[in-house]
Amino acid sequence: QTRKGKVILPSCLQGKKPNTIPNKKIEDPASGKVS
């Protein structure tokens, strides 16, 4: 049958982890990033 509403993807398929809130990150040059 034709769907009446949109399909909601689970958070694992959306690329998000459950129970997390993303931070607005400011790049820190001394944070030891891998280049």
Full PDB file with SEQRES, HELIX, SHEET, SSBOND, CRYST1, ORIGX, SCALE, CONECT and MASTER records, all heavy atoms in Angstrom:
SEQRES   1 A   35  GLN THR ARG LYS GLY LYS VAL ILE LEU PRO SER CYS LEU          
SEQRES   2 A   35  GLN GLY LYS LYS PRO ASN THR ILE PRO ASN LYS LYS ILE          
SEQRES   3 A   35  GLU ASP PRO ALA SER GLY LYS VAL SER                          
CRYST1    1.000    1.000    1.000  90.00  90.00  90.00 P 1           1          
ORIGX1      1.000000  0.000000  0.000000        0.00000                         
ORIGX2      0.000000  1.000000  0.000000        0.00000                         
ORIGX3      0.000000  0.000000  1.000000        0.00000                         
SCALE1      1.000000  0.000000  0.000000        0.00000                         
SCALE2      0.000000  1.000000  0.000000        0.00000                         
SCALE3      0.000000  0.000000  1.000000        0.00000                         
ATOM      1  N   GLN A   1       0.842  -1.198   0.000  1.00  0.00           N  
ATOM      2  CA  GLN A   1       0.000   0.000   0.000  1.00  0.00           C  
ATOM      3  C   GLN A   1       0.884   1.257   0.000  1.00  0.00           C  
ATOM      4  O   GLN A   1       1.984   1.251   0.539  1.00  0.00           O  
ATOM      5  CB  GLN A   1      -0.904   0.017   1.245  1.00  0.00           C  
ATOM      6  CG  GLN A   1      -1.799  -1.200   1.378  1.00  0.00           C  
ATOM      7  CD  GLN A   1      -2.786  -1.313   0.228  1.00  0.00           C  
ATOM      8  OE1 GLN A   1      -3.332  -0.325  -0.240  1.00  0.00           O  
ATOM      9  NE2 GLN A   1      -2.995  -2.527  -0.243  1.00  0.00           N  
ATOM     10  N   THR A   2       0.380   2.320  -0.592  1.00  0.00           N  
ATOM     11  CA  THR A   2       1.119   3.577  -0.629  1.00  0.00           C  
ATOM     12  C   THR A   2       1.216   4.158   0.783  1.00  0.00           C  
ATOM     13  O   THR A   2       0.234   4.162   1.524  1.00  0.00           O  
ATOM     14  CB  THR A   2       0.409   4.590  -1.554  1.00  0.00           C  
ATOM     15  OG1 THR A   2       0.225   3.990  -2.831  1.00  0.00           O  
ATOM     16  CG2 THR A   2       1.235   5.852  -1.713  1.00  0.00           C  
ATOM     17  N   ARG A   3       2.427   4.627   1.158  1.00  0.00           N  
ATOM     18  CA  ARG A   3       2.642   5.207   2.489  1.00  0.00           C  
ATOM     19  C   ARG A   3       1.945   6.549   2.601  1.00  0.00           C  
ATOM     20  O   ARG A   3       1.902   7.325   1.657  1.00  0.00           O  
ATOM     21  CB  ARG A   3       4.128   5.406   2.750  1.00  0.00           C  
ATOM     22  CG  ARG A   3       4.883   4.128   2.952  1.00  0.00           C  
ATOM     23  CD  ARG A   3       6.306   4.451   3.409  1.00  0.00           C  
ATOM     24  NE  ARG A   3       7.106   3.247   3.416  1.00  0.00           N  
ATOM     25  CZ  ARG A   3       7.199   2.420   4.443  1.00  0.00           C  
ATOM     26  NH1 ARG A   3       6.547   2.678   5.545  1.00  0.00           N  
ATOM     27  NH2 ARG A   3       7.944   1.344   4.362  1.00  0.00           N  
ATOM     28  N   LYS A   4       1.446   6.828   3.800  1.00  0.00           N  
ATOM     29  CA  LYS A   4       0.775   8.095   4.046  1.00  0.00           C  
ATOM     30  C   LYS A   4       1.750   9.150   4.565  1.00  0.00           C  
ATOM     31  O   LYS A   4       1.531  10.336   4.393  1.00  0.00           O  
ATOM     32  CB  LYS A   4      -0.358   7.893   5.037  1.00  0.00           C  
ATOM     33  CG  LYS A   4      -1.486   7.049   4.475  1.00  0.00           C  
ATOM     34  CD  LYS A   4      -2.546   6.800   5.524  1.00  0.00           C  
ATOM     35  CE  LYS A   4      -3.701   5.996   5.021  1.00  0.00           C  
ATOM     36  NZ  LYS A   4      -3.383   4.724   4.425  1.00  0.00           N  
ATOM     37  N   GLY A   5       2.822   8.720   5.227  1.00  0.00           N  
ATOM     38  CA  GLY A   5       3.798   9.661   5.789  1.00  0.00           C  
ATOM     39  C   GLY A   5       5.211   9.307   5.364  1.00  0.00           C  
ATOM     40  O   GLY A   5       5.449   8.297   4.691  1.00  0.00           O  
ATOM     41  N   LYS A   6       6.150  10.156   5.777  1.00  0.00           N  
ATOM     42  CA  LYS A   6       7.552   9.936   5.447  1.00  0.00           C  
ATOM     43  C   LYS A   6       8.142   8.826   6.323  1.00  0.00           C  
ATOM     44  O   LYS A   6       7.712   8.630   7.455  1.00  0.00           O  
ATOM     45  CB  LYS A   6       8.358  11.213   5.681  1.00  0.00           C  
ATOM     46  CG  LYS A   6       8.037  12.317   4.687  1.00  0.00           C  
ATOM     47  CD  LYS A   6       8.861  13.542   4.972  1.00  0.00           C  
ATOM     48  CE  LYS A   6      10.225  13.338   4.331  1.00  0.00           C  
ATOM     49  NZ  LYS A   6      11.070  14.524   4.449  1.00  0.00           N  
ATOM     50  N   VAL A   7       9.132   8.140   5.795  1.00  0.00           N  
ATOM     51  CA  VAL A   7       9.848   7.117   6.552  1.00  0.00           C  
ATOM     52  C   VAL A   7      10.936   7.812   7.368  1.00  0.00           C  
ATOM     53  O   VAL A   7      11.740   8.572   6.824  1.00  0.00           O  
ATOM     54  CB  VAL A   7      10.478   6.070   5.608  1.00  0.00           C  
ATOM     55  CG1 VAL A   7      11.297   5.072   6.393  1.00  0.00           C  
ATOM     56  CG2 VAL A   7       9.407   5.374   4.815  1.00  0.00           C  
ATOM     57  N   ILE A   8      10.948   7.572   8.679  1.00  0.00           N  
ATOM     58  CA  ILE A   8      11.950   8.168   9.550  1.00  0.00           C  
ATOM     59  C   ILE A   8      13.070   7.153   9.735  1.00  0.00           C  
ATOM     60  O   ILE A   8      12.841   6.050  10.238  1.00  0.00           O  
ATOM     61  CB  ILE A   8      11.341   8.555  10.902  1.00  0.00           C  
ATOM     62  CG1 ILE A   8      10.216   9.570  10.696  1.00  0.00           C  
ATOM     63  CG2 ILE A   8      12.412   9.114  11.826  1.00  0.00           C  
ATOM     64  CD1 ILE A   8       9.414   9.859  11.936  1.00  0.00           C  
ATOM     65  N   LEU A   9      14.272   7.531   9.312  1.00  0.00           N  
ATOM     66  CA  LEU A   9      15.415   6.648   9.443  1.00  0.00           C  
ATOM     67  C   LEU A   9      15.905   6.634  10.878  1.00  0.00           C  
ATOM     68  O   LEU A   9      15.879   7.663  11.567  1.00  0.00           O  
ATOM     69  CB  LEU A   9      16.544   7.111   8.527  1.00  0.00           C  
ATOM     70  CG  LEU A   9      16.296   6.971   7.023  1.00  0.00           C  
ATOM     71  CD1 LEU A   9      17.438   7.596   6.250  1.00  0.00           C  
ATOM     72  CD2 LEU A   9      16.143   5.523   6.639  1.00  0.00           C  
ATOM     73  N   PRO A  10      16.383   5.469  11.351  1.00  0.00           N  
ATOM     74  CA  PRO A  10      16.956   5.423  12.701  1.00  0.00           C  
ATOM     75  C   PRO A  10      18.231   6.259  12.764  1.00  0.00           C  
ATOM     76  O   PRO A  10      18.876   6.507  11.746  1.00  0.00           O  
ATOM     77  CB  PRO A  10      17.259   3.939  12.929  1.00  0.00           C  
ATOM     78  CG  PRO A  10      16.909   3.236  11.685  1.00  0.00           C  
ATOM     79  CD  PRO A  10      16.340   4.174  10.713  1.00  0.00           C  
ATOM     80  N   SER A  11      18.594   6.685  13.979  1.00  0.00           N  
ATOM     81  CA  SER A  11      19.754   7.565  14.149  1.00  0.00           C  
ATOM     82  C   SER A  11      21.051   6.915  13.688  1.00  0.00           C  
ATOM     83  O   SER A  11      21.952   7.590  13.219  1.00  0.00           O  
ATOM     84  CB  SER A  11      19.875   8.009  15.602  1.00  0.00           C  
ATOM     85  OG  SER A  11      20.044   6.888  16.435  1.00  0.00           O  
ATOM     86  N   CYS A  12      21.155   5.568  13.780  1.00  0.00           N  
ATOM     87  CA  CYS A  12      22.383   4.907  13.352  1.00  0.00           C  
ATOM     88  C   CYS A  12      22.576   5.021  11.839  1.00  0.00           C  
ATOM     89  O   CYS A  12      23.703   5.063  11.350  1.00  0.00           O  
ATOM     90  CB  CYS A  12      22.405   3.445  13.795  1.00  0.00           C  
ATOM     91  SG  CYS A  12      21.074   2.459  13.103  1.00  0.00           S  
ATOM     92  N   LEU A  13      21.488   5.094  11.072  1.00  0.00           N  
ATOM     93  CA  LEU A  13      21.595   5.251   9.630  1.00  0.00           C  
ATOM     94  C   LEU A  13      21.765   6.713   9.222  1.00  0.00           C  
ATOM     95  O   LEU A  13      22.207   7.004   8.121  1.00  0.00           O  
ATOM     96  CB  LEU A  13      20.363   4.666   8.927  1.00  0.00           C  
ATOM     97  CG  LEU A  13      20.190   3.158   9.045  1.00  0.00           C  
ATOM     98  CD1 LEU A  13      18.918   2.720   8.344  1.00  0.00           C  
ATOM     99  CD2 LEU A  13      21.384   2.433   8.476  1.00  0.00           C  
ATOM    100  N   GLN A  14      21.416   7.625  10.101  1.00  0.00           N  
ATOM    101  CA  GLN A  14      21.577   9.040   9.814  1.00  0.00           C  
ATOM    102  C   GLN A  14      22.985   9.525  10.150  1.00  0.00           C  
ATOM    103  O   GLN A  14      23.314  10.670   9.929  1.00  0.00           O  
ATOM    104  CB  GLN A  14      20.569   9.867  10.612  1.00  0.00           C  
ATOM    105  CG  GLN A  14      19.144   9.648  10.192  1.00  0.00           C  
ATOM    106  CD  GLN A  14      18.184  10.443  11.063  1.00  0.00           C  
ATOM    107  OE1 GLN A  14      18.591  11.184  11.956  1.00  0.00           O  
ATOM    108  NE2 GLN A  14      16.907  10.285  10.800  1.00  0.00           N  
ATOM    109  N   GLY A  15      23.817   8.648  10.703  1.00  0.00           N  
ATOM    110  CA  GLY A  15      25.175   9.039  11.057  1.00  0.00           C  
ATOM    111  C   GLY A  15      25.295   9.648  12.431  1.00  0.00           C  
ATOM    112  O   GLY A  15      26.314  10.195  12.790  1.00  0.00           O  
ATOM    113  N   LYS A  16      24.250   9.563  13.246  1.00  0.00           N  
ATOM    114  CA  LYS A  16      24.265  10.118  14.589  1.00  0.00           C  
ATOM    115  C   LYS A  16      24.302   8.978  15.604  1.00  0.00           C  
ATOM    116  O   LYS A  16      23.792   7.908  15.356  1.00  0.00           O  
ATOM    117  CB  LYS A  16      23.024  10.953  14.854  1.00  0.00           C  
ATOM    118  CG  LYS A  16      22.895  12.174  14.011  1.00  0.00           C  
ATOM    119  CD  LYS A  16      21.691  12.965  14.484  1.00  0.00           C  
ATOM    120  CE  LYS A  16      20.742  13.195  13.355  1.00  0.00           C  
ATOM    121  NZ  LYS A  16      19.488  13.776  13.728  1.00  0.00           N  
ATOM    122  N   LYS A  17      24.903   9.255  16.753  1.00  0.00           N  
ATOM    123  CA  LYS A  17      24.865   8.308  17.848  1.00  0.00           C  
ATOM    124  C   LYS A  17      23.716   8.684  18.774  1.00  0.00           C  
ATOM    125  O   LYS A  17      23.433   9.859  18.962  1.00  0.00           O  
ATOM    126  CB  LYS A  17      26.171   8.337  18.633  1.00  0.00           C  
ATOM    127  CG  LYS A  17      27.337   7.789  17.864  1.00  0.00           C  
ATOM    128  CD  LYS A  17      28.556   7.553  18.713  1.00  0.00           C  
ATOM    129  CE  LYS A  17      28.892   8.664  19.628  1.00  0.00           C  
ATOM    130  NZ  LYS A  17      30.158   8.546  20.310  1.00  0.00           N  
ATOM    131  N   PRO A  18      23.044   7.700  19.371  1.00  0.00           N  
ATOM    132  CA  PRO A  18      21.984   8.039  20.318  1.00  0.00           C  
ATOM    133  C   PRO A  18      22.565   8.685  21.572  1.00  0.00           C  
ATOM    134  O   PRO A  18      23.710   8.444  21.935  1.00  0.00           O  
ATOM    135  CB  PRO A  18      21.345   6.685  20.628  1.00  0.00           C  
ATOM    136  CG  PRO A  18      22.358   5.674  20.267  1.00  0.00           C  
ATOM    137  CD  PRO A  18      23.203   6.280  19.189  1.00  0.00           C  
ATOM    138  N   ASN A  19      21.782   9.501  22.222  1.00  0.00           N  
ATOM    139  CA  ASN A  19      22.165  10.179  23.460  1.00  0.00           C  
ATOM    140  C   ASN A  19      23.382  11.073  23.301  1.00  0.00           C  
ATOM    141  O   ASN A  19      24.239  11.129  24.177  1.00  0.00           O  
ATOM    142  CB  ASN A  19      22.408   9.177  24.596  1.00  0.00           C  
ATOM    143  CG  ASN A  19      21.151   8.484  25.011  1.00  0.00           C  
ATOM    144  OD1 ASN A  19      20.067   9.038  24.901  1.00  0.00           O  
ATOM    145  ND2 ASN A  19      21.263   7.269  25.486  1.00  0.00           N  
ATOM    146  N   THR A  20      23.515  11.777  22.157  1.00  0.00           N  
ATOM    147  CA  THR A  20      24.608  12.718  21.973  1.00  0.00           C  
ATOM    148  C   THR A  20      24.070  14.034  21.430  1.00  0.00           C  
ATOM    149  O   THR A  20      23.068  14.070  20.730  1.00  0.00           O  
ATOM    150  CB  THR A  20      25.676  12.199  20.993  1.00  0.00           C  
ATOM    151  OG1 THR A  20      25.072  11.963  19.734  1.00  0.00           O  
ATOM    152  CG2 THR A  20      26.337  10.937  21.498  1.00  0.00           C  
ATOM    153  N   ILE A  21      24.769  15.094  21.767  1.00  0.00           N  
ATOM    154  CA  ILE A  21      24.461  16.424  21.266  1.00  0.00           C  
ATOM    155  C   ILE A  21      25.746  16.960  20.649  1.00  0.00           C  
ATOM    156  O   ILE A  21      26.771  17.049  21.339  1.00  0.00           O  
ATOM    157  CB  ILE A  21      24.005  17.351  22.413  1.00  0.00           C  
ATOM    158  CG1 ILE A  21      22.799  16.755  23.135  1.00  0.00           C  
ATOM    159  CG2 ILE A  21      23.717  18.746  21.888  1.00  0.00           C  
ATOM    160  CD1 ILE A  21      22.489  17.418  24.447  1.00  0.00           C  
ATOM    161  N   PRO A  22      25.758  17.298  19.341  1.00  0.00           N  
ATOM    162  CA  PRO A  22      27.000  17.800  18.736  1.00  0.00           C  
ATOM    163  C   PRO A  22      27.367  19.169  19.301  1.00  0.00           C  
ATOM    164  O   PRO A  22      26.508  20.000  19.558  1.00  0.00           O  
ATOM    165  CB  PRO A  22      26.681  17.873  17.248  1.00  0.00           C  
ATOM    166  CG  PRO A  22      25.203  17.871  17.154  1.00  0.00           C  
ATOM    167  CD  PRO A  22      24.677  17.204  18.383  1.00  0.00           C  
ATOM    168  N   ASN A  23      28.683  19.391  19.509  1.00  0.00           N  
ATOM    169  CA  ASN A  23      29.178  20.679  19.980  1.00  0.00           C  
ATOM    170  C   ASN A  23      29.554  21.545  18.789  1.00  0.00           C  
ATOM    171  O   ASN A  23      29.990  21.040  17.763  1.00  0.00           O  
ATOM    172  CB  ASN A  23      30.426  20.494  20.852  1.00  0.00           C  
ATOM    173  CG  ASN A  23      30.115  19.857  22.177  1.00  0.00           C  
ATOM    174  OD1 ASN A  23      28.957  19.791  22.576  1.00  0.00           O  
ATOM    175  ND2 ASN A  23      31.125  19.385  22.859  1.00  0.00           N  
ATOM    176  N   LYS A  24      29.401  22.851  18.947  1.00  0.00           N  
ATOM    177  CA  LYS A  24      29.897  23.772  17.937  1.00  0.00           C  
ATOM    178  C   LYS A  24      31.378  23.939  18.228  1.00  0.00           C  
ATOM    179  O   LYS A  24      31.763  24.606  19.175  1.00  0.00           O  
ATOM    180  CB  LYS A  24      29.171  25.098  18.023  1.00  0.00           C  
ATOM    181  CG  LYS A  24      27.701  24.967  17.693  1.00  0.00           C  
ATOM    182  CD  LYS A  24      27.092  26.314  17.471  1.00  0.00           C  
ATOM    183  CE  LYS A  24      25.638  26.324  17.157  1.00  0.00           C  
ATOM    184  NZ  LYS A  24      24.931  25.190  16.849  1.00  0.00           N  
ATOM    185  N   LYS A  25      32.220  23.298  17.421  1.00  0.00           N  
ATOM    186  CA  LYS A  25      33.636  23.225  17.706  1.00  0.00           C  
ATOM    187  C   LYS A  25      34.396  24.370  17.047  1.00  0.00           C  
ATOM    188  O   LYS A  25      34.194  24.681  15.890  1.00  0.00           O  
ATOM    189  CB  LYS A  25      34.189  21.890  17.226  1.00  0.00           C  
ATOM    190  CG  LYS A  25      35.605  21.667  17.631  1.00  0.00           C  
ATOM    191  CD  LYS A  25      36.072  20.320  17.226  1.00  0.00           C  
ATOM    192  CE  LYS A  25      37.521  20.185  17.643  1.00  0.00           C  
ATOM    193  NZ  LYS A  25      38.109  18.996  17.166  1.00  0.00           N  
ATOM    194  N   ILE A  26      35.310  24.955  17.813  1.00  0.00           N  
ATOM    195  CA  ILE A  26      36.221  25.960  17.294  1.00  0.00           C  
ATOM    196  C   ILE A  26      37.574  25.288  17.161  1.00  0.00           C  
ATOM    197  O   ILE A  26      38.057  24.666  18.099  1.00  0.00           O  
ATOM    198  CB  ILE A  26      36.291  27.178  18.247  1.00  0.00           C  
ATOM    199  CG1 ILE A  26      34.911  27.806  18.374  1.00  0.00           C  
ATOM    200  CG2 ILE A  26      37.328  28.169  17.772  1.00  0.00           C  
ATOM    201  CD1 ILE A  26      34.817  28.849  19.444  1.00  0.00           C  
ATOM    202  N   GLU A  27      38.189  25.384  15.993  1.00  0.00           N  
ATOM    203  CA  GLU A  27      39.462  24.721  15.723  1.00  0.00           C  
ATOM    204  C   GLU A  27      40.534  25.260  16.655  1.00  0.00           C  
ATOM    205  O   GLU A  27      40.748  26.463  16.758  1.00  0.00           O  
ATOM    206  CB  GLU A  27      39.869  25.002  14.286  1.00  0.00           C  
ATOM    207  CG  GLU A  27      40.160  23.863  13.347  1.00  0.00           C  
ATOM    208  CD  GLU A  27      40.079  22.450  13.823  1.00  0.00           C  
ATOM    209  OE1 GLU A  27      39.018  21.863  13.761  1.00  0.00           O  
ATOM    210  OE2 GLU A  27      41.115  21.907  14.227  1.00  0.00           O  
ATOM    211  N   ASP A  28      41.212  24.376  17.327  1.00  0.00           N  
ATOM    212  CA  ASP A  28      42.307  24.729  18.218  1.00  0.00           C  
ATOM    213  C   ASP A  28      43.596  24.239  17.586  1.00  0.00           C  
ATOM    214  O   ASP A  28      43.784  23.031  17.420  1.00  0.00           O  
ATOM    215  CB  ASP A  28      42.077  24.069  19.588  1.00  0.00           C  
ATOM    216  CG  ASP A  28      43.142  24.441  20.602  1.00  0.00           C  
ATOM    217  OD1 ASP A  28      43.904  25.394  20.339  1.00  0.00           O  
ATOM    218  OD2 ASP A  28      43.209  23.772  21.651  1.00  0.00           O  
ATOM    219  N   PRO A  29      44.538  25.150  17.233  1.00  0.00           N  
ATOM    220  CA  PRO A  29      45.756  24.714  16.546  1.00  0.00           C  
ATOM    221  C   PRO A  29      46.665  23.857  17.409  1.00  0.00           C  
ATOM    222  O   PRO A  29      47.500  23.130  16.890  1.00  0.00           O  
ATOM    223  CB  PRO A  29      46.436  26.029  16.161  1.00  0.00           C  
ATOM    224  CG  PRO A  29      45.867  27.051  17.070  1.00  0.00           C  
ATOM    225  CD  PRO A  29      44.485  26.584  17.418  1.00  0.00           C  
ATOM    226  N   ALA A  30      46.498  23.891  18.723  1.00  0.00           N  
ATOM    227  CA  ALA A  30      47.366  23.119  19.601  1.00  0.00           C  
ATOM    228  C   ALA A  30      46.699  21.849  20.110  1.00  0.00           C  
ATOM    229  O   ALA A  30      47.119  21.288  21.098  1.00  0.00           O  
ATOM    230  CB  ALA A  30      47.799  23.978  20.778  1.00  0.00           C  
ATOM    231  N   SER A  31      45.650  21.400  19.444  1.00  0.00           N  
ATOM    232  CA  SER A  31      44.916  20.249  19.977  1.00  0.00           C  
ATOM    233  C   SER A  31      45.521  18.914  19.556  1.00  0.00           C  
ATOM    234  O   SER A  31      45.022  17.871  19.934  1.00  0.00           O  
ATOM    235  CB  SER A  31      43.449  20.306  19.545  1.00  0.00           C  
ATOM    236  OG  SER A  31      43.349  20.137  18.148  1.00  0.00           O  
ATOM    237  N   GLY A  32      46.571  18.905  18.765  1.00  0.00           N  
ATOM    238  CA  GLY A  32      47.247  17.660  18.414  1.00  0.00           C  
ATOM    239  C   GLY A  32      46.544  16.877  17.342  1.00  0.00           C  
ATOM    240  O   GLY A  32      46.431  15.668  17.424  1.00  0.00           O  
ATOM    241  N   LYS A  33      46.046  17.529  16.323  1.00  0.00           N  
ATOM    242  CA  LYS A  33      45.330  16.849  15.248  1.00  0.00           C  
ATOM    243  C   LYS A  33      46.283  16.052  14.369  1.00  0.00           C  
ATOM    244  O   LYS A  33      47.407  16.447  14.132  1.00  0.00           O  
ATOM    245  CB  LYS A  33      44.572  17.854  14.369  1.00  0.00           C  
ATOM    246  CG  LYS A  33      43.497  18.598  15.107  1.00  0.00           C  
ATOM    247  CD  LYS A  33      42.385  17.675  15.479  1.00  0.00           C  
ATOM    248  CE  LYS A  33      41.324  18.394  16.264  1.00  0.00           C  
ATOM    249  NZ  LYS A  33      40.630  17.558  17.162  1.00  0.00           N  
ATOM    250  N   VAL A  34      45.789  14.954  13.843  1.00  0.00           N  
ATOM    251  CA  VAL A  34      46.541  14.137  12.904  1.00  0.00           C  
ATOM    252  C   VAL A  34      46.451  14.796  11.532  1.00  0.00           C  
ATOM    253  O   VAL A  34      45.377  15.172  11.097  1.00  0.00           O  
ATOM    254  CB  VAL A  34      45.966  12.703  12.843  1.00  0.00           C  
ATOM    255  CG1 VAL A  34      46.642  11.889  11.763  1.00  0.00           C  
ATOM    256  CG2 VAL A  34      46.102  12.046  14.191  1.00  0.00           C  
ATOM    257  N   SER A  35      47.590  14.937  10.853  1.00  0.00           N  
ATOM    258  CA  SER A  35      47.577  15.584   9.541  1.00  0.00           C  
ATOM    259  C   SER A  35      47.990  14.620   8.435  1.00  0.00           C  
ATOM    260  O   SER A  35      48.503  15.042   7.411  1.00  0.00           O  
ATOM    261  CB  SER A  35      48.488  16.812   9.554  1.00  0.00           C  
ATOM    262  OG  SER A  35      49.800  16.421   9.892  1.00  0.00           O  
TER     263      SER A  35                                                      
MASTER        0    0    0    0    0    0    0    6  262    1    0    3          
END                                                                             
